[in-house]
Protein backbone atom coordinates (compact mmCIF):
# COMPACT_ATOMS: atom_id res chain seq x y z
CA UNK A 1 0.00 0.00 0.00
CA UNK A 2 1.24 3.48 -0.83
CA UNK A 3 1.25 6.28 1.69
CA UNK A 4 1.65 10.00 1.15
CA UNK A 5 4.20 11.95 3.08
CA UNK A 6 2.92 14.11 4.69
CA UNK A 7 -0.45 12.36 5.18
CA UNK A 8 -3.11 14.24 3.16
CA UNK A 9 -6.22 15.86 4.60
CA UNK A 10 -9.31 14.12 3.21
CA UNK A 11 -13.09 14.05 3.37
CA UNK A 12 -14.67 10.92 4.83
CA UNK A 13 -17.98 9.73 3.32
CA UNK A 14 -20.27 7.14 4.85
CA UNK A 15 -20.42 4.39 2.18
CA UNK A 16 -23.69 2.86 3.39
CA UNK A 17 -25.46 6.23 3.35
CA UNK A 18 -24.04 6.97 -0.11
CA UNK A 19 -25.29 3.62 -1.45
CA UNK A 20 -28.76 4.00 0.08
CA UNK A 21 -29.08 7.47 -1.39
CA UNK A 22 -28.02 6.21 -4.82
CA UNK A 23 -30.71 3.51 -4.71
CA UNK A 24 -33.34 6.08 -3.67
CA UNK A 25 -32.29 8.34 -6.55
CA UNK A 26 -32.44 5.44 -9.01
CA UNK A 27 -35.93 4.45 -7.82
CA UNK A 28 -37.11 8.07 -8.09
CA UNK A 29 -35.77 8.19 -11.64
CA UNK A 30 -37.47 4.90 -12.58
CA UNK A 31 -40.76 6.16 -11.10
CA UNK A 32 -40.31 9.52 -12.89
CA UNK A 33 -40.35 11.50 -9.66
CA UNK A 34 -38.78 14.96 -9.77
CA UNK A 35 -35.18 15.21 -8.66
CA UNK A 36 -34.48 16.82 -5.29
CA UNK A 37 -31.36 18.19 -3.66
CA UNK A 38 -29.65 15.64 -1.43
CA UNK A 39 -26.67 16.05 0.85
CA UNK A 40 -24.31 13.43 2.17
CA UNK A 41 -22.91 13.60 5.67
CA UNK A 42 -19.18 14.18 5.51
CA UNK A 43 -16.35 14.48 7.96
CA UNK A 44 -13.15 16.45 7.38
CA UNK A 45 -10.15 14.34 8.40
CA UNK A 46 -7.31 16.76 9.08
CA UNK A 47 -3.85 15.31 8.80
CA UNK A 48 -0.37 16.80 8.54
CA UNK A 49 -0.82 18.34 5.08
CA UNK A 50 -2.70 21.37 6.41
PDB file of N, CA and C in Angstrom:
ATOM      1  N   UNK A   1       0.843  -1.174   0.000  1.00  0.00           N
ATOM      2  CA  UNK A   1       0.000   0.000   0.000  1.00  0.00           C
ATOM      3  C   UNK A   1       0.887   1.235   0.000  1.00  0.00           C
ATOM      4  N   UNK A   2       0.475   2.243  -0.754  1.00  0.00           N
ATOM      5  CA  UNK A   2       1.236   3.479  -0.829  1.00  0.00           C
ATOM      6  C   UNK A   2       0.719   4.490   0.186  1.00  0.00           C
ATOM      7  N   UNK A   3       1.617   5.239   0.751  1.00  0.00           N
ATOM      8  CA  UNK A   3       1.246   6.282   1.692  1.00  0.00           C
ATOM      9  C   UNK A   3       1.844   7.589   1.226  1.00  0.00           C
ATOM     10  N   UNK A   4       1.144   8.680   1.483  1.00  0.00           N
ATOM     11  CA  UNK A   4       1.647  10.000   1.149  1.00  0.00           C
ATOM     12  C   UNK A   4       2.395  10.571   2.334  1.00  0.00           C
ATOM     13  N   UNK A   5       3.433  11.303   2.031  1.00  0.00           N
ATOM     14  CA  UNK A   5       4.198  11.947   3.079  1.00  0.00           C
ATOM     15  C   UNK A   5       4.290  13.420   2.746  1.00  0.00           C
ATOM     16  N   UNK A   6       3.681  14.310   3.466  1.00  0.00           N
ATOM     17  CA  UNK A   6       2.919  14.112   4.688  1.00  0.00           C
ATOM     18  C   UNK A   6       1.541  13.507   4.385  1.00  0.00           C
ATOM     19  N   UNK A   7       0.896  12.896   5.376  1.00  0.00           N
ATOM     20  CA  UNK A   7      -0.450  12.362   5.180  1.00  0.00           C
ATOM     21  C   UNK A   7      -1.408  13.486   4.742  1.00  0.00           C
ATOM     22  N   UNK A   8      -2.235  13.219   3.724  1.00  0.00           N
ATOM     23  CA  UNK A   8      -3.111  14.238   3.157  1.00  0.00           C
ATOM     24  C   UNK A   8      -4.428  14.363   3.914  1.00  0.00           C
ATOM     25  N   UNK A   9      -4.898  15.603   4.036  1.00  0.00           N
ATOM     26  CA  UNK A   9      -6.215  15.861   4.599  1.00  0.00           C
ATOM     27  C   UNK A   9      -7.253  15.360   3.603  1.00  0.00           C
ATOM     28  N   UNK A  10      -8.295  14.700   4.086  1.00  0.00           N
ATOM     29  CA  UNK A  10      -9.306  14.124   3.208  1.00  0.00           C
ATOM     30  C   UNK A  10     -10.707  14.375   3.744  1.00  0.00           C
ATOM     31  N   UNK A  11     -11.694  13.999   2.947  1.00  0.00           N
ATOM     32  CA  UNK A  11     -13.092  14.053   3.374  1.00  0.00           C
ATOM     33  C   UNK A  11     -13.596  12.624   3.462  1.00  0.00           C
ATOM     34  N   UNK A  12     -14.157  12.263   4.610  1.00  0.00           N
ATOM     35  CA  UNK A  12     -14.674  10.916   4.834  1.00  0.00           C
ATOM     36  C   UNK A  12     -16.168  10.900   4.493  1.00  0.00           C
ATOM     37  N   UNK A  13     -16.572   9.928   3.671  1.00  0.00           N
ATOM     38  CA  UNK A  13     -17.978   9.728   3.316  1.00  0.00           C
ATOM     39  C   UNK A  13     -18.445   8.413   3.911  1.00  0.00           C
ATOM     40  N   UNK A  14     -19.694   8.371   4.319  1.00  0.00           N
ATOM     41  CA  UNK A  14     -20.272   7.143   4.845  1.00  0.00           C
ATOM     42  C   UNK A  14     -20.777   6.313   3.664  1.00  0.00           C
ATOM     43  N   UNK A  15     -20.115   5.208   3.358  1.00  0.00           N
ATOM     44  CA  UNK A  15     -20.417   4.394   2.175  1.00  0.00           C
ATOM     45  C   UNK A  15     -21.844   3.859   2.180  1.00  0.00           C
ATOM     46  N   UNK A  16     -22.337   3.414   3.328  1.00  0.00           N
ATOM     47  CA  UNK A  16     -23.685   2.858   3.387  1.00  0.00           C
ATOM     48  C   UNK A  16     -24.711   3.938   3.061  1.00  0.00           C
ATOM     49  N   UNK A  17     -24.537   5.117   3.615  1.00  0.00           N
ATOM     50  CA  UNK A  17     -25.457   6.226   3.346  1.00  0.00           C
ATOM     51  C   UNK A  17     -25.402   6.604   1.866  1.00  0.00           C
ATOM     52  N   UNK A  18     -24.208   6.623   1.297  1.00  0.00           N
ATOM     53  CA  UNK A  18     -24.044   6.968  -0.114  1.00  0.00           C
ATOM     54  C   UNK A  18     -24.761   5.945  -1.005  1.00  0.00           C
ATOM     55  N   UNK A  19     -24.633   4.670  -0.685  1.00  0.00           N
ATOM     56  CA  UNK A  19     -25.291   3.618  -1.451  1.00  0.00           C
ATOM     57  C   UNK A  19     -26.801   3.684  -1.341  1.00  0.00           C
ATOM     58  N   UNK A  20     -27.304   3.914  -0.127  1.00  0.00           N
ATOM     59  CA  UNK A  20     -28.759   3.999   0.075  1.00  0.00           C
ATOM     60  C   UNK A  20     -29.338   5.194  -0.683  1.00  0.00           C
ATOM     61  N   UNK A  21     -28.620   6.292  -0.681  1.00  0.00           N
ATOM     62  CA  UNK A  21     -29.085   7.474  -1.392  1.00  0.00           C
ATOM     63  C   UNK A  21     -29.080   7.234  -2.898  1.00  0.00           C
ATOM     64  N   UNK A  22     -28.083   6.525  -3.393  1.00  0.00           N
ATOM     65  CA  UNK A  22     -28.018   6.212  -4.823  1.00  0.00           C
ATOM     66  C   UNK A  22     -29.204   5.343  -5.240  1.00  0.00           C
ATOM     67  N   UNK A  23     -29.556   4.369  -4.416  1.00  0.00           N
ATOM     68  CA  UNK A  23     -30.712   3.507  -4.710  1.00  0.00           C
ATOM     69  C   UNK A  23     -31.995   4.340  -4.698  1.00  0.00           C
ATOM     70  N   UNK A  24     -32.156   5.215  -3.718  1.00  0.00           N
ATOM     71  CA  UNK A  24     -33.336   6.082  -3.666  1.00  0.00           C
ATOM     72  C   UNK A  24     -33.437   6.951  -4.917  1.00  0.00           C
ATOM     73  N   UNK A  25     -32.299   7.498  -5.352  1.00  0.00           N
ATOM     74  CA  UNK A  25     -32.290   8.341  -6.547  1.00  0.00           C
ATOM     75  C   UNK A  25     -32.643   7.520  -7.793  1.00  0.00           C
ATOM     76  N   UNK A  26     -32.139   6.313  -7.879  1.00  0.00           N
ATOM     77  CA  UNK A  26     -32.437   5.438  -9.006  1.00  0.00           C
ATOM     78  C   UNK A  26     -33.933   5.104  -9.041  1.00  0.00           C
ATOM     79  N   UNK A  27     -34.501   4.763  -7.879  1.00  0.00           N
ATOM     80  CA  UNK A  27     -35.929   4.447  -7.820  1.00  0.00           C
ATOM     81  C   UNK A  27     -36.786   5.663  -8.176  1.00  0.00           C
ATOM     82  N   UNK A  28     -36.387   6.844  -7.721  1.00  0.00           N
ATOM     83  CA  UNK A  28     -37.108   8.069  -8.091  1.00  0.00           C
ATOM     84  C   UNK A  28     -37.064   8.274  -9.602  1.00  0.00           C
ATOM     85  N   UNK A  29     -35.923   8.031 -10.190  1.00  0.00           N
ATOM     86  CA  UNK A  29     -35.773   8.190 -11.638  1.00  0.00           C
ATOM     87  C   UNK A  29     -36.648   7.188 -12.387  1.00  0.00           C
ATOM     88  N   UNK A  30     -36.649   5.939 -11.953  1.00  0.00           N
ATOM     89  CA  UNK A  30     -37.474   4.901 -12.584  1.00  0.00           C
ATOM     90  C   UNK A  30     -38.953   5.259 -12.485  1.00  0.00           C
ATOM     91  N   UNK A  31     -39.359   5.789 -11.330  1.00  0.00           N
ATOM     92  CA  UNK A  31     -40.756   6.162 -11.096  1.00  0.00           C
ATOM     93  C   UNK A  31     -41.092   7.571 -11.590  1.00  0.00           C
ATOM     94  N   UNK A  32     -40.152   8.186 -12.292  1.00  0.00           N
ATOM     95  CA  UNK A  32     -40.311   9.516 -12.892  1.00  0.00           C
ATOM     96  C   UNK A  32     -40.702  10.581 -11.876  1.00  0.00           C
ATOM     97  N   UNK A  33     -40.132  10.473 -10.684  1.00  0.00           N
ATOM     98  CA  UNK A  33     -40.351  11.496  -9.662  1.00  0.00           C
ATOM     99  C   UNK A  33     -39.343  12.621  -9.900  1.00  0.00           C
ATOM    100  N   UNK A  34     -39.717  13.847  -9.585  1.00  0.00           N
ATOM    101  CA  UNK A  34     -38.781  14.960  -9.774  1.00  0.00           C
ATOM    102  C   UNK A  34     -37.543  14.808  -8.884  1.00  0.00           C
ATOM    103  N   UNK A  35     -36.441  15.279  -9.387  1.00  0.00           N
ATOM    104  CA  UNK A  35     -35.180  15.209  -8.656  1.00  0.00           C
ATOM    105  C   UNK A  35     -35.190  16.233  -7.523  1.00  0.00           C
ATOM    106  N   UNK A  36     -34.579  15.883  -6.410  1.00  0.00           N
ATOM    107  CA  UNK A  36     -34.480  16.815  -5.290  1.00  0.00           C
ATOM    108  C   UNK A  36     -33.030  16.899  -4.823  1.00  0.00           C
ATOM    109  N   UNK A  37     -32.704  18.001  -4.173  1.00  0.00           N
ATOM    110  CA  UNK A  37     -31.357  18.193  -3.656  1.00  0.00           C
ATOM    111  C   UNK A  37     -31.123  17.250  -2.488  1.00  0.00           C
ATOM    112  N   UNK A  38     -30.016  16.550  -2.516  1.00  0.00           N
ATOM    113  CA  UNK A  38     -29.655  15.643  -1.427  1.00  0.00           C
ATOM    114  C   UNK A  38     -28.239  15.976  -0.971  1.00  0.00           C
ATOM    115  N   UNK A  39     -27.997  15.787   0.298  1.00  0.00           N
ATOM    116  CA  UNK A  39     -26.669  16.050   0.852  1.00  0.00           C
ATOM    117  C   UNK A  39     -26.187  14.836   1.628  1.00  0.00           C
ATOM    118  N   UNK A  40     -24.939  14.513   1.434  1.00  0.00           N
ATOM    119  CA  UNK A  40     -24.311  13.428   2.172  1.00  0.00           C
ATOM    120  C   UNK A  40     -23.632  13.991   3.409  1.00  0.00           C
ATOM    121  N   UNK A  41     -23.681  13.223   4.487  1.00  0.00           N
ATOM    122  CA  UNK A  41     -22.911  13.604   5.670  1.00  0.00           C
ATOM    123  C   UNK A  41     -21.435  13.361   5.369  1.00  0.00           C
ATOM    124  N   UNK A  42     -20.616  14.308   5.717  1.00  0.00           N
ATOM    125  CA  UNK A  42     -19.179  14.175   5.506  1.00  0.00           C
ATOM    126  C   UNK A  42     -18.443  14.538   6.789  1.00  0.00           C
ATOM    127  N   UNK A  43     -17.199  14.145   6.827  1.00  0.00           N
ATOM    128  CA  UNK A  43     -16.347  14.483   7.963  1.00  0.00           C
ATOM    129  C   UNK A  43     -14.978  14.855   7.414  1.00  0.00           C
ATOM    130  N   UNK A  44     -14.480  16.022   7.798  1.00  0.00           N
ATOM    131  CA  UNK A  44     -13.153  16.453   7.380  1.00  0.00           C
ATOM    132  C   UNK A  44     -12.122  15.779   8.277  1.00  0.00           C
ATOM    133  N   UNK A  45     -11.203  15.043   7.668  1.00  0.00           N
ATOM    134  CA  UNK A  45     -10.153  14.341   8.402  1.00  0.00           C
ATOM    135  C   UNK A  45      -8.856  15.117   8.192  1.00  0.00           C
ATOM    136  N   UNK A  46      -8.489  15.895   9.191  1.00  0.00           N
ATOM    137  CA  UNK A  46      -7.306  16.755   9.077  1.00  0.00           C
ATOM    138  C   UNK A  46      -6.065  15.960   9.465  1.00  0.00           C
ATOM    139  N   UNK A  47      -5.110  15.996   8.545  1.00  0.00           N
ATOM    140  CA  UNK A  47      -3.845  15.309   8.800  1.00  0.00           C
ATOM    141  C   UNK A  47      -2.713  16.331   8.716  1.00  0.00           C
ATOM    142  N   UNK A  48      -1.530  15.900   8.467  1.00  0.00           N
ATOM    143  CA  UNK A  48      -0.369  16.803   8.538  1.00  0.00           C
ATOM    144  C   UNK A  48      -0.153  17.678   7.300  1.00  0.00           C
ATOM    145  N   UNK A  49      -1.026  17.557   6.291  1.00  0.00           N
ATOM    146  CA  UNK A  49      -0.817  18.338   5.077  1.00  0.00           C
ATOM    147  C   UNK A  49      -1.406  19.746   5.168  1.00  0.00           C
ATOM    148  N   UNK A  50      -2.071  20.049   6.273  1.00  0.00           N
ATOM    149  CA  UNK A  50      -2.696  21.370   6.415  1.00  0.00           C
ATOM    150  C   UNK A  50      -1.813  22.266   7.251  1.00  0.00           C
TER     151      UNK A  50
END
